[in-house]
Amino acid sequence: MRGVLVSEDVRQAGDLLGEAMWHCMLSPLRYASHLYGIWAEIDDILDRWPLDYGPDTDVIALREFKRVAEEWLNMPQREAGIRDYVHQWKVRMAQDSWPAPGGVHWRQP
């Protein structure tokens, strides 16, 4: 996660987050599958799916990658901290304005 936080290259940050996602698949932690789901949805911004933010896509994706990393590194690395982190992200992602307004759904012309 420290690599994500310092990266200025959106593809590199996405690859580093992908590595963290892979570790979640191998983890016996109770909330690991939730972490994987959240991080995968953030990675979808870069894939322009299900919404495309046009020329701002890379900027939005990098901003969210860094937000994930910063909040991960600042939270207590215990089950309660992970649970709160997951809850915080699920609430944030449920908002219509996340990650940014104006995205065009991939099925729209």
PDB file of N, CA and C in Angstrom:
ATOM      1  N   MET A   1       0.810  -1.198   0.000  1.00  0.00           N
ATOM      2  CA  MET A   1       0.000   0.000   0.000  1.00  0.00           C
ATOM      3  C   MET A   1       0.855   1.264   0.000  1.00  0.00           C
ATOM      4  N   ARG A   2       2.040   1.183   0.586  1.00  0.00           N
ATOM      5  CA  ARG A   2       2.901   2.365   0.568  1.00  0.00           C
ATOM      6  C   ARG A   2       3.283   2.721  -0.871  1.00  0.00           C
ATOM      7  N   GLY A   3       3.468   1.701  -1.698  1.00  0.00           N
ATOM      8  CA  GLY A   3       3.787   1.943  -3.100  1.00  0.00           C
ATOM      9  C   GLY A   3       2.659   2.653  -3.831  1.00  0.00           C
ATOM     10  N   VAL A   4       1.421   2.291  -3.527  1.00  0.00           N
ATOM     11  CA  VAL A   4       0.262   2.956  -4.120  1.00  0.00           C
ATOM     12  C   VAL A   4       0.249   4.421  -3.712  1.00  0.00           C
ATOM     13  N   LEU A   5       0.503   4.662  -2.459  1.00  0.00           N
ATOM     14  CA  LEU A   5       0.438   6.018  -1.919  1.00  0.00           C
ATOM     15  C   LEU A   5       1.460   6.949  -2.566  1.00  0.00           C
ATOM     16  N   VAL A   6       2.629   6.457  -2.887  1.00  0.00           N
ATOM     17  CA  VAL A   6       3.673   7.327  -3.448  1.00  0.00           C
ATOM     18  C   VAL A   6       3.702   7.333  -4.971  1.00  0.00           C
ATOM     19  N   SER A   7       2.973   6.436  -5.605  1.00  0.00           N
ATOM     20  CA  SER A   7       3.006   6.340  -7.062  1.00  0.00           C
ATOM     21  C   SER A   7       2.301   7.523  -7.716  1.00  0.00           C
ATOM     22  N   GLU A   8       2.857   7.997  -8.781  1.00  0.00           N
ATOM     23  CA  GLU A   8       2.213   9.025  -9.603  1.00  0.00           C
ATOM     24  C   GLU A   8       1.762   8.426 -10.931  1.00  0.00           C
ATOM     25  N   ASP A   9       1.960   7.140 -11.111  1.00  0.00           N
ATOM     26  CA  ASP A   9       1.565   6.435 -12.326  1.00  0.00           C
ATOM     27  C   ASP A   9       0.325   5.602 -12.018  1.00  0.00           C
ATOM     28  N   VAL A  10      -0.783   5.937 -12.642  1.00  0.00           N
ATOM     29  CA  VAL A  10      -2.053   5.285 -12.327  1.00  0.00           C
ATOM     30  C   VAL A  10      -2.014   3.781 -12.613  1.00  0.00           C
ATOM     31  N   ARG A  11      -1.339   3.371 -13.664  1.00  0.00           N
ATOM     32  CA  ARG A  11      -1.255   1.937 -13.992  1.00  0.00           C
ATOM     33  C   ARG A  11      -0.446   1.193 -12.929  1.00  0.00           C
ATOM     34  N   GLN A  12       0.663   1.785 -12.516  1.00  0.00           N
ATOM     35  CA  GLN A  12       1.482   1.168 -11.477  1.00  0.00           C
ATOM     36  C   GLN A  12       0.694   1.069 -10.167  1.00  0.00           C
ATOM     37  N   ALA A  13      -0.007   2.127  -9.801  1.00  0.00           N
ATOM     38  CA  ALA A  13      -0.817   2.107  -8.583  1.00  0.00           C
ATOM     39  C   ALA A  13      -1.895   1.031  -8.681  1.00  0.00           C
ATOM     40  N   GLY A  14      -2.513   0.906  -9.848  1.00  0.00           N
ATOM     41  CA  GLY A  14      -3.518  -0.132 -10.059  1.00  0.00           C
ATOM     42  C   GLY A  14      -2.932  -1.526  -9.944  1.00  0.00           C
ATOM     43  N   ASP A  15      -1.733  -1.719 -10.477  1.00  0.00           N
ATOM     44  CA  ASP A  15      -1.071  -3.024 -10.363  1.00  0.00           C
ATOM     45  C   ASP A  15      -0.743  -3.353  -8.907  1.00  0.00           C
ATOM     46  N   LEU A  16      -0.287  -2.358  -8.166  1.00  0.00           N
ATOM     47  CA  LEU A  16       0.033  -2.581  -6.751  1.00  0.00           C
ATOM     48  C   LEU A  16      -1.229  -2.904  -5.951  1.00  0.00           C
ATOM     49  N   LEU A  17      -2.315  -2.229  -6.258  1.00  0.00           N
ATOM     50  CA  LEU A  17      -3.573  -2.544  -5.590  1.00  0.00           C
ATOM     51  C   LEU A  17      -4.032  -3.946  -5.984  1.00  0.00           C
ATOM     52  N   GLY A  18      -3.822  -4.315  -7.241  1.00  0.00           N
ATOM     53  CA  GLY A  18      -4.147  -5.673  -7.686  1.00  0.00           C
ATOM     54  C   GLY A  18      -3.379  -6.724  -6.910  1.00  0.00           C
ATOM     55  N   GLU A  19      -2.145  -6.424  -6.591  1.00  0.00           N
ATOM     56  CA  GLU A  19      -1.333  -7.329  -5.778  1.00  0.00           C
ATOM     57  C   GLU A  19      -1.942  -7.494  -4.380  1.00  0.00           C
ATOM     58  N   ALA A  20      -2.385  -6.394  -3.801  1.00  0.00           N
ATOM     59  CA  ALA A  20      -3.038  -6.457  -2.486  1.00  0.00           C
ATOM     60  C   ALA A  20      -4.330  -7.259  -2.575  1.00  0.00           C
ATOM     61  N   MET A  21      -5.054  -7.107  -3.690  1.00  0.00           N
ATOM     62  CA  MET A  21      -6.290  -7.872  -3.883  1.00  0.00           C
ATOM     63  C   MET A  21      -5.988  -9.366  -3.926  1.00  0.00           C
ATOM     64  N   TRP A  22      -4.905  -9.741  -4.588  1.00  0.00           N
ATOM     65  CA  TRP A  22      -4.516 -11.146  -4.669  1.00  0.00           C
ATOM     66  C   TRP A  22      -4.257 -11.708  -3.266  1.00  0.00           C
ATOM     67  N   HIS A  23      -3.590 -10.939  -2.438  1.00  0.00           N
ATOM     68  CA  HIS A  23      -3.318 -11.388  -1.069  1.00  0.00           C
ATOM     69  C   HIS A  23      -4.618 -11.566  -0.276  1.00  0.00           C
ATOM     70  N   CYS A  24      -5.613 -10.744  -0.573  1.00  0.00           N
ATOM     71  CA  CYS A  24      -6.916 -10.903   0.092  1.00  0.00           C
ATOM     72  C   CYS A  24      -7.538 -12.254  -0.234  1.00  0.00           C
ATOM     73  N   MET A  25      -7.348 -12.711  -1.458  1.00  0.00           N
ATOM     74  CA  MET A  25      -7.926 -14.001  -1.847  1.00  0.00           C
ATOM     75  C   MET A  25      -7.302 -15.150  -1.067  1.00  0.00           C
ATOM     76  N   LEU A  26      -6.082 -14.962  -0.617  1.00  0.00           N
ATOM     77  CA  LEU A  26      -5.362 -16.014   0.109  1.00  0.00           C
ATOM     78  C   LEU A  26      -5.515 -15.892   1.619  1.00  0.00           C
ATOM     79  N   SER A  27      -6.107 -14.812   2.059  1.00  0.00           N
ATOM     80  CA  SER A  27      -6.158 -14.516   3.492  1.00  0.00           C
ATOM     81  C   SER A  27      -7.323 -15.209   4.194  1.00  0.00           C
ATOM     82  N   PRO A  28      -7.066 -15.701   5.406  1.00  0.00           N
ATOM     83  CA  PRO A  28      -8.156 -16.262   6.197  1.00  0.00           C
ATOM     84  C   PRO A  28      -8.925 -15.198   6.991  1.00  0.00           C
ATOM     85  N   LEU A  29      -8.525 -13.925   6.878  1.00  0.00           N
ATOM     86  CA  LEU A  29      -9.202 -12.856   7.611  1.00  0.00           C
ATOM     87  C   LEU A  29     -10.681 -12.804   7.269  1.00  0.00           C
ATOM     88  N   ARG A  30     -11.460 -12.521   8.248  1.00  0.00           N
ATOM     89  CA  ARG A  30     -12.914 -12.494   8.102  1.00  0.00           C
ATOM     90  C   ARG A  30     -13.380 -11.483   7.048  1.00  0.00           C
ATOM     91  N   TYR A  31     -12.744 -10.341   6.957  1.00  0.00           N
ATOM     92  CA  TYR A  31     -13.186  -9.288   6.052  1.00  0.00           C
ATOM     93  C   TYR A  31     -12.386  -9.229   4.751  1.00  0.00           C
ATOM     94  N   ALA A  32     -11.526 -10.199   4.520  1.00  0.00           N
ATOM     95  CA  ALA A  32     -10.672 -10.160   3.328  1.00  0.00           C
ATOM     96  C   ALA A  32     -11.487 -10.145   2.035  1.00  0.00           C
ATOM     97  N   SER A  33     -12.550 -10.916   1.970  1.00  0.00           N
ATOM     98  CA  SER A  33     -13.350 -10.937   0.738  1.00  0.00           C
ATOM     99  C   SER A  33     -14.039  -9.588   0.523  1.00  0.00           C
ATOM    100  N   HIS A  34     -14.391  -8.902   1.593  1.00  0.00           N
ATOM    101  CA  HIS A  34     -14.985  -7.569   1.468  1.00  0.00           C
ATOM    102  C   HIS A  34     -13.948  -6.574   0.944  1.00  0.00           C
ATOM    103  N   LEU A  35     -12.726  -6.688   1.437  1.00  0.00           N
ATOM    104  CA  LEU A  35     -11.652  -5.818   0.945  1.00  0.00           C
ATOM    105  C   LEU A  35     -11.451  -6.036  -0.548  1.00  0.00           C
ATOM    106  N   TYR A  36     -11.423  -7.295  -0.954  1.00  0.00           N
ATOM    107  CA  TYR A  36     -11.239  -7.616  -2.372  1.00  0.00           C
ATOM    108  C   TYR A  36     -12.335  -6.945  -3.207  1.00  0.00           C
ATOM    109  N   GLY A  37     -13.581  -7.074  -2.770  1.00  0.00           N
ATOM    110  CA  GLY A  37     -14.694  -6.492  -3.513  1.00  0.00           C
ATOM    111  C   GLY A  37     -14.605  -4.984  -3.628  1.00  0.00           C
ATOM    112  N   ILE A  38     -14.240  -4.331  -2.546  1.00  0.00           N
ATOM    113  CA  ILE A  38     -14.108  -2.869  -2.559  1.00  0.00           C
ATOM    114  C   ILE A  38     -12.984  -2.451  -3.488  1.00  0.00           C
ATOM    115  N   TRP A  39     -11.841  -3.079  -3.338  1.00  0.00           N
ATOM    116  CA  TRP A  39     -10.689  -2.697  -4.162  1.00  0.00           C
ATOM    117  C   TRP A  39     -10.917  -3.033  -5.632  1.00  0.00           C
ATOM    118  N   ALA A  40     -11.632  -4.099  -5.914  1.00  0.00           N
ATOM    119  CA  ALA A  40     -11.942  -4.445  -7.306  1.00  0.00           C
ATOM    120  C   ALA A  40     -12.852  -3.386  -7.926  1.00  0.00           C
ATOM    121  N   GLU A  41     -13.797  -2.890  -7.149  1.00  0.00           N
ATOM    122  CA  GLU A  41     -14.691  -1.857  -7.668  1.00  0.00           C
ATOM    123  C   GLU A  41     -13.922  -0.561  -7.946  1.00  0.00           C
ATOM    124  N   ILE A  42     -12.955  -0.266  -7.119  1.00  0.00           N
ATOM    125  CA  ILE A  42     -12.130   0.923  -7.357  1.00  0.00           C
ATOM    126  C   ILE A  42     -11.282   0.719  -8.614  1.00  0.00           C
ATOM    127  N   ASP A  43     -10.756  -0.475  -8.783  1.00  0.00           N
ATOM    128  CA  ASP A  43      -9.980  -0.784  -9.990  1.00  0.00           C
ATOM    129  C   ASP A  43     -10.839  -0.675 -11.248  1.00  0.00           C
ATOM    130  N   ASP A  44     -12.141  -0.913 -11.119  1.00  0.00           N
ATOM    131  CA  ASP A  44     -13.043  -0.787 -12.266  1.00  0.00           C
ATOM    132  C   ASP A  44     -13.097   0.636 -12.806  1.00  0.00           C
ATOM    133  N   ILE A  45     -12.795   1.621 -11.986  1.00  0.00           N
ATOM    134  CA  ILE A  45     -12.743   3.007 -12.478  1.00  0.00           C
ATOM    135  C   ILE A  45     -11.719   3.091 -13.598  1.00  0.00           C
ATOM    136  N   LEU A  46     -10.573   2.499 -13.386  1.00  0.00           N
ATOM    137  CA  LEU A  46      -9.508   2.527 -14.378  1.00  0.00           C
ATOM    138  C   LEU A  46      -9.913   1.766 -15.639  1.00  0.00           C
ATOM    139  N   ASP A  47     -10.706   0.726 -15.468  1.00  0.00           N
ATOM    140  CA  ASP A  47     -11.186  -0.061 -16.609  1.00  0.00           C
ATOM    141  C   ASP A  47     -12.336   0.613 -17.353  1.00  0.00           C
ATOM    142  N   ARG A  48     -12.782   1.759 -16.791  1.00  0.00           N
ATOM    143  CA  ARG A  48     -13.897   2.508 -17.376  1.00  0.00           C
ATOM    144  C   ARG A  48     -15.181   1.683 -17.418  1.00  0.00           C
ATOM    145  N   TRP A  49     -15.343   0.853 -16.379  1.00  0.00           N
ATOM    146  CA  TRP A  49     -16.538   0.019 -16.287  1.00  0.00           C
ATOM    147  C   TRP A  49     -17.055   0.034 -14.868  1.00  0.00           C
ATOM    148  N   PRO A  50     -18.283   0.180 -14.602  1.00  0.00           N
ATOM    149  CA  PRO A  50     -19.388   0.362 -15.550  1.00  0.00           C
ATOM    150  C   PRO A  50     -19.564   1.808 -15.996  1.00  0.00           C
ATOM    151  N   LEU A  51     -18.787   2.742 -15.423  1.00  0.00           N
ATOM    152  CA  LEU A  51     -18.888   4.146 -15.831  1.00  0.00           C
ATOM    153  C   LEU A  51     -17.576   4.622 -16.436  1.00  0.00           C
ATOM    154  N   ASP A  52     -17.707   5.481 -17.415  1.00  0.00           N
ATOM    155  CA  ASP A  52     -16.540   6.073 -18.062  1.00  0.00           C
ATOM    156  C   ASP A  52     -16.523   7.558 -17.725  1.00  0.00           C
ATOM    157  N   TYR A  53     -15.430   8.017 -17.143  1.00  0.00           N
ATOM    158  CA  TYR A  53     -15.300   9.422 -16.765  1.00  0.00           C
ATOM    159  C   TYR A  53     -14.501  10.211 -17.798  1.00  0.00           C
ATOM    160  N   GLY A  54     -14.367   9.650 -18.984  1.00  0.00           N
ATOM    161  CA  GLY A  54     -13.704  10.353 -20.072  1.00  0.00           C
ATOM    162  C   GLY A  54     -12.265  10.688 -19.739  1.00  0.00           C
ATOM    163  N   PRO A  55     -11.821  11.894 -20.108  1.00  0.00           N
ATOM    164  CA  PRO A  55     -10.416  12.260 -19.903  1.00  0.00           C
ATOM    165  C   PRO A  55     -10.015  12.365 -18.428  1.00  0.00           C
ATOM    166  N   ASP A  56     -10.982  12.409 -17.518  1.00  0.00           N
ATOM    167  CA  ASP A  56     -10.672  12.496 -16.082  1.00  0.00           C
ATOM    168  C   ASP A  56     -10.508  11.132 -15.420  1.00  0.00           C
ATOM    169  N   THR A  57     -10.697  10.059 -16.176  1.00  0.00           N
ATOM    170  CA  THR A  57     -10.679   8.711 -15.602  1.00  0.00           C
ATOM    171  C   THR A  57      -9.391   8.419 -14.836  1.00  0.00           C
ATOM    172  N   ASP A  58      -8.253   8.663 -15.442  1.00  0.00           N
ATOM    173  CA  ASP A  58      -6.985   8.342 -14.776  1.00  0.00           C
ATOM    174  C   ASP A  58      -6.783   9.159 -13.498  1.00  0.00           C
ATOM    175  N   VAL A  59      -7.165  10.423 -13.529  1.00  0.00           N
ATOM    176  CA  VAL A  59      -7.021  11.291 -12.356  1.00  0.00           C
ATOM    177  C   VAL A  59      -7.918  10.795 -11.220  1.00  0.00           C
ATOM    178  N   ILE A  60      -9.158  10.434 -11.554  1.00  0.00           N
ATOM    179  CA  ILE A  60     -10.100   9.941 -10.544  1.00  0.00           C
ATOM    180  C   ILE A  60      -9.613   8.610  -9.981  1.00  0.00           C
ATOM    181  N   ALA A  61      -9.169   7.715 -10.858  1.00  0.00           N
ATOM    182  CA  ALA A  61      -8.690   6.402 -10.404  1.00  0.00           C
ATOM    183  C   ALA A  61      -7.490   6.563  -9.474  1.00  0.00           C
ATOM    184  N   LEU A  62      -6.515   7.380  -9.851  1.00  0.00           N
ATOM    185  CA  LEU A  62      -5.337   7.569  -9.010  1.00  0.00           C
ATOM    186  C   LEU A  62      -5.723   8.184  -7.666  1.00  0.00           C
ATOM    187  N   ARG A  63      -6.637   9.133  -7.677  1.00  0.00           N
ATOM    188  CA  ARG A  63      -7.102   9.746  -6.428  1.00  0.00           C
ATOM    189  C   ARG A  63      -7.705   8.688  -5.498  1.00  0.00           C
ATOM    190  N   GLU A  64      -8.533   7.795  -6.048  1.00  0.00           N
ATOM    191  CA  GLU A  64      -9.171   6.774  -5.224  1.00  0.00           C
ATOM    192  C   GLU A  64      -8.179   5.701  -4.786  1.00  0.00           C
ATOM    193  N   PHE A  65      -7.228   5.341  -5.636  1.00  0.00           N
ATOM    194  CA  PHE A  65      -6.178   4.392  -5.236  1.00  0.00           C
ATOM    195  C   PHE A  65      -5.412   4.941  -4.034  1.00  0.00           C
ATOM    196  N   LYS A  66      -5.061   6.221  -4.111  1.00  0.00           N
ATOM    197  CA  LYS A  66      -4.304   6.841  -3.022  1.00  0.00           C
ATOM    198  C   LYS A  66      -5.151   6.951  -1.748  1.00  0.00           C
ATOM    199  N   ARG A  67      -6.422   7.237  -1.916  1.00  0.00           N
ATOM    200  CA  ARG A  67      -7.318   7.313  -0.759  1.00  0.00           C
ATOM    201  C   ARG A  67      -7.400   5.961  -0.063  1.00  0.00           C
ATOM    202  N   VAL A  68      -7.537   4.895  -0.846  1.00  0.00           N
ATOM    203  CA  VAL A  68      -7.560   3.532  -0.302  1.00  0.00           C
ATOM    204  C   VAL A  68      -6.291   3.258   0.496  1.00  0.00           C
ATOM    205  N   ALA A  69      -5.161   3.568  -0.107  1.00  0.00           N
ATOM    206  CA  ALA A  69      -3.877   3.281   0.534  1.00  0.00           C
ATOM    207  C   ALA A  69      -3.689   4.103   1.807  1.00  0.00           C
ATOM    208  N   GLU A  70      -3.986   5.383   1.737  1.00  0.00           N
ATOM    209  CA  GLU A  70      -3.792   6.243   2.900  1.00  0.00           C
ATOM    210  C   GLU A  70      -4.679   5.797   4.065  1.00  0.00           C
ATOM    211  N   GLU A  71      -5.942   5.522   3.777  1.00  0.00           N
ATOM    212  CA  GLU A  71      -6.842   5.098   4.847  1.00  0.00           C
ATOM    213  C   GLU A  71      -6.456   3.730   5.395  1.00  0.00           C
ATOM    214  N   TRP A  72      -5.964   2.847   4.519  1.00  0.00           N
ATOM    215  CA  TRP A  72      -5.518   1.526   4.960  1.00  0.00           C
ATOM    216  C   TRP A  72      -4.325   1.655   5.906  1.00  0.00           C
ATOM    217  N   LEU A  73      -3.361   2.467   5.523  1.00  0.00           N
ATOM    218  CA  LEU A  73      -2.155   2.620   6.329  1.00  0.00           C
ATOM    219  C   LEU A  73      -2.417   3.351   7.647  1.00  0.00           C
ATOM    220  N   ASN A  74      -3.454   4.180   7.694  1.00  0.00           N
ATOM    221  CA  ASN A  74      -3.757   4.951   8.908  1.00  0.00           C
ATOM    222  C   ASN A  74      -4.698   4.248   9.875  1.00  0.00           C
ATOM    223  N   MET A  75      -5.273   3.133   9.483  1.00  0.00           N
ATOM    224  CA  MET A  75      -6.238   2.470  10.365  1.00  0.00           C
ATOM    225  C   MET A  75      -5.540   1.465  11.275  1.00  0.00           C
ATOM    226  N   PRO A  76      -6.174   1.139  12.396  1.00  0.00           N
ATOM    227  CA  PRO A  76      -5.622   0.081  13.254  1.00  0.00           C
ATOM    228  C   PRO A  76      -5.651  -1.253  12.502  1.00  0.00           C
ATOM    229  N   GLN A  77      -4.536  -1.937  12.456  1.00  0.00           N
ATOM    230  CA  GLN A  77      -4.423  -3.186  11.700  1.00  0.00           C
ATOM    231  C   GLN A  77      -4.915  -4.373  12.539  1.00  0.00           C
ATOM    232  N   ARG A  78      -6.141  -4.253  12.990  1.00  0.00           N
ATOM    233  CA  ARG A  78      -6.793  -5.326  13.747  1.00  0.00           C
ATOM    234  C   ARG A  78      -8.170  -5.553  13.126  1.00  0.00           C
ATOM    235  N   GLU A  79      -8.832  -6.585  13.560  1.00  0.00           N
ATOM    236  CA  GLU A  79     -10.122  -6.925  12.961  1.00  0.00           C
ATOM    237  C   GLU A  79     -11.117  -5.766  13.034  1.00  0.00           C
ATOM    238  N   ALA A  80     -11.177  -5.086  14.163  1.00  0.00           N
ATOM    239  CA  ALA A  80     -12.109  -3.957  14.304  1.00  0.00           C
ATOM    240  C   ALA A  80     -11.763  -2.840  13.318  1.00  0.00           C
ATOM    241  N   GLY A  81     -10.486  -2.578  13.125  1.00  0.00           N
ATOM    242  CA  GLY A  81     -10.065  -1.552  12.178  1.00  0.00           C
ATOM    243  C   GLY A  81     -10.441  -1.907  10.756  1.00  0.00           C
ATOM    244  N   ILE A  82     -10.239  -3.170  10.387  1.00  0.00           N
ATOM    245  CA  ILE A  82     -10.593  -3.632   9.048  1.00  0.00           C
ATOM    246  C   ILE A  82     -12.106  -3.571   8.859  1.00  0.00           C
ATOM    247  N   ARG A  83     -12.844  -3.970   9.880  1.00  0.00           N
ATOM    248  CA  ARG A  83     -14.312  -3.919   9.808  1.00  0.00           C
ATOM    249  C   ARG A  83     -14.774  -2.484   9.582  1.00  0.00           C
ATOM    250  N   ASP A  84     -14.206  -1.536  10.325  1.00  0.00           N
ATOM    251  CA  ASP A  84     -14.590  -0.131  10.171  1.00  0.00           C
ATOM    252  C   ASP A  84     -14.194   0.405   8.793  1.00  0.00           C
ATOM    253  N   TYR A  85     -13.026   0.016   8.316  1.00  0.00           N
ATOM    254  CA  TYR A  85     -12.554   0.419   6.991  1.00  0.00           C
ATOM    255  C   TYR A  85     -13.527  -0.063   5.922  1.00  0.00           C
ATOM    256  N   VAL A  86     -13.917  -1.338   6.002  1.00  0.00           N
ATOM    257  CA  VAL A  86     -14.860  -1.916   5.040  1.00  0.00           C
ATOM    258  C   VAL A  86     -16.191  -1.171   5.093  1.00  0.00           C
ATOM    259  N   HIS A  87     -16.688  -0.924   6.294  1.00  0.00           N
ATOM    260  CA  HIS A  87     -17.959  -0.221   6.435  1.00  0.00           C
ATOM    261  C   HIS A  87     -17.882   1.188   5.834  1.00  0.00           C
ATOM    262  N   GLN A  88     -16.818   1.884   6.134  1.00  0.00           N
ATOM    263  CA  GLN A  88     -16.629   3.249   5.622  1.00  0.00           C
ATOM    264  C   GLN A  88     -16.654   3.252   4.094  1.00  0.00           C
ATOM    265  N   TRP A  89     -15.955   2.301   3.483  1.00  0.00           N
ATOM    266  CA  TRP A  89     -15.918   2.259   2.024  1.00  0.00           C
ATOM    267  C   TRP A  89     -17.252   1.854   1.423  1.00  0.00           C
ATOM    268  N   LYS A  90     -17.956   0.931   2.052  1.00  0.00           N
ATOM    269  CA  LYS A  90     -19.269   0.538   1.528  1.00  0.00           C
ATOM    270  C   LYS A  90     -20.243   1.715   1.571  1.00  0.00           C
ATOM    271  N   VAL A  91     -20.218   2.489   2.637  1.00  0.00           N
ATOM    272  CA  VAL A  91     -21.070   3.671   2.732  1.00  0.00           C
ATOM    273  C   VAL A  91     -20.683   4.673   1.645  1.00  0.00           C
ATOM    274  N   ARG A  92     -19.411   4.924   1.493  1.00  0.00           N
ATOM    275  CA  ARG A  92     -18.927   5.882   0.491  1.00  0.00           C
ATOM    276  C   ARG A  92     -19.339   5.450  -0.915  1.00  0.00           C
ATOM    277  N   MET A  93     -19.182   4.174  -1.204  1.00  0.00           N
ATOM    278  CA  MET A  93     -19.469   3.677  -2.552  1.00  0.00           C
ATOM    279  C   MET A  93     -20.970   3.647  -2.863  1.00  0.00           C
ATOM    280  N   ALA A  94     -21.795   3.639  -1.856  1.00  0.00           N
ATOM    281  CA  ALA A  94     -23.239   3.619  -2.067  1.00  0.00           C
ATOM    282  C   ALA A  94     -23.772   4.984  -2.494  1.00  0.00           C
ATOM    283  N   GLN A  95     -22.980   6.010  -2.315  1.00  0.00           N
ATOM    284  CA  GLN A  95     -23.414   7.363  -2.675  1.00  0.00           C
ATOM    285  C   GLN A  95     -23.365   7.543  -4.186  1.00  0.00           C
ATOM    286  N   ASP A  96     -24.373   8.199  -4.720  1.00  0.00           N
ATOM    287  CA  ASP A  96     -24.433   8.428  -6.169  1.00  0.00           C
ATOM    288  C   ASP A  96     -23.290   9.289  -6.675  1.00  0.00           C
ATOM    289  N   SER A  97     -22.671  10.037  -5.795  1.00  0.00           N
ATOM    290  CA  SER A  97     -21.603  10.952  -6.212  1.00  0.00           C
ATOM    291  C   SER A  97     -20.220  10.305  -6.200  1.00  0.00           C
ATOM    292  N   TRP A  98     -20.133   9.034  -5.778  1.00  0.00           N
ATOM    293  CA  TRP A  98     -18.838   8.362  -5.737  1.00  0.00           C
ATOM    294  C   TRP A  98     -18.598   7.613  -7.028  1.00  0.00           C
ATOM    295  N   PRO A  99     -17.423   7.627  -7.593  1.00  0.00           N
ATOM    296  CA  PRO A  99     -16.237   8.374  -7.190  1.00  0.00           C
ATOM    297  C   PRO A  99     -16.259   9.810  -7.675  1.00  0.00           C
ATOM    298  N   ALA A 100     -17.115  10.103  -8.659  1.00  0.00           N
ATOM    299  CA  ALA A 100     -17.237  11.479  -9.148  1.00  0.00           C
ATOM    300  C   ALA A 100     -18.519  11.569  -9.974  1.00  0.00           C
ATOM    301  N   PRO A 101     -19.146  12.731  -9.979  1.00  0.00           N
ATOM    302  CA  PRO A 101     -20.355  12.873 -10.793  1.00  0.00           C
ATOM    303  C   PRO A 101     -20.004  12.933 -12.275  1.00  0.00           C
ATOM    304  N   GLY A 102     -20.966  12.570 -13.106  1.00  0.00           N
ATOM    305  CA  GLY A 102     -20.799  12.772 -14.540  1.00  0.00           C
ATOM    306  C   GLY A 102     -20.317  11.573 -15.326  1.00  0.00           C
ATOM    307  N   GLY A 103     -20.137  10.443 -14.702  1.00  0.00           N
ATOM    308  CA  GLY A 103     -19.720   9.276 -15.463  1.00  0.00           C
ATOM    309  C   GLY A 103     -20.819   8.807 -16.395  1.00  0.00           C
ATOM    310  N   VAL A 104     -20.429   8.234 -17.512  1.00  0.00           N
ATOM    311  CA  VAL A 104     -21.388   7.724 -18.489  1.00  0.00           C
ATOM    312  C   VAL A 104     -21.362   6.206 -18.399  1.00  0.00           C
ATOM    313  N   HIS A 105     -22.543   5.605 -18.150  1.00  0.00           N
ATOM    314  CA  HIS A 105     -22.627   4.149 -18.049  1.00  0.00           C
ATOM    315  C   HIS A 105     -22.212   3.536 -19.375  1.00  0.00           C
ATOM    316  N   TRP A 106     -21.511   2.423 -19.314  1.00  0.00           N
ATOM    317  CA  TRP A 106     -20.952   1.807 -20.517  1.00  0.00           C
ATOM    318  C   TRP A 106     -22.011   1.367 -21.506  1.00  0.00           C
ATOM    319  N   ARG A 107     -23.251   1.191 -21.101  1.00  0.00           N
ATOM    320  CA  ARG A 107     -24.307   0.790 -22.027  1.00  0.00           C
ATOM    321  C   ARG A 107     -24.958   1.980 -22.712  1.00  0.00           C
ATOM    322  N   GLN A 108     -24.676   3.187 -22.242  1.00  0.00           N
ATOM    323  CA  GLN A 108     -25.259   4.370 -22.885  1.00  0.00           C
ATOM    324  C   GLN A 108     -24.490   4.691 -24.144  1.00  0.00           C
ATOM    325  N   PRO A 109     -25.222   5.195 -25.136  1.00  0.00           N
ATOM    326  CA  PRO A 109     -24.547   5.547 -26.414  1.00  0.00           C
ATOM    327  C   PRO A 109     -23.613   6.719 -26.253  1.00  0.00           C
TER     328      PRO A 109
END
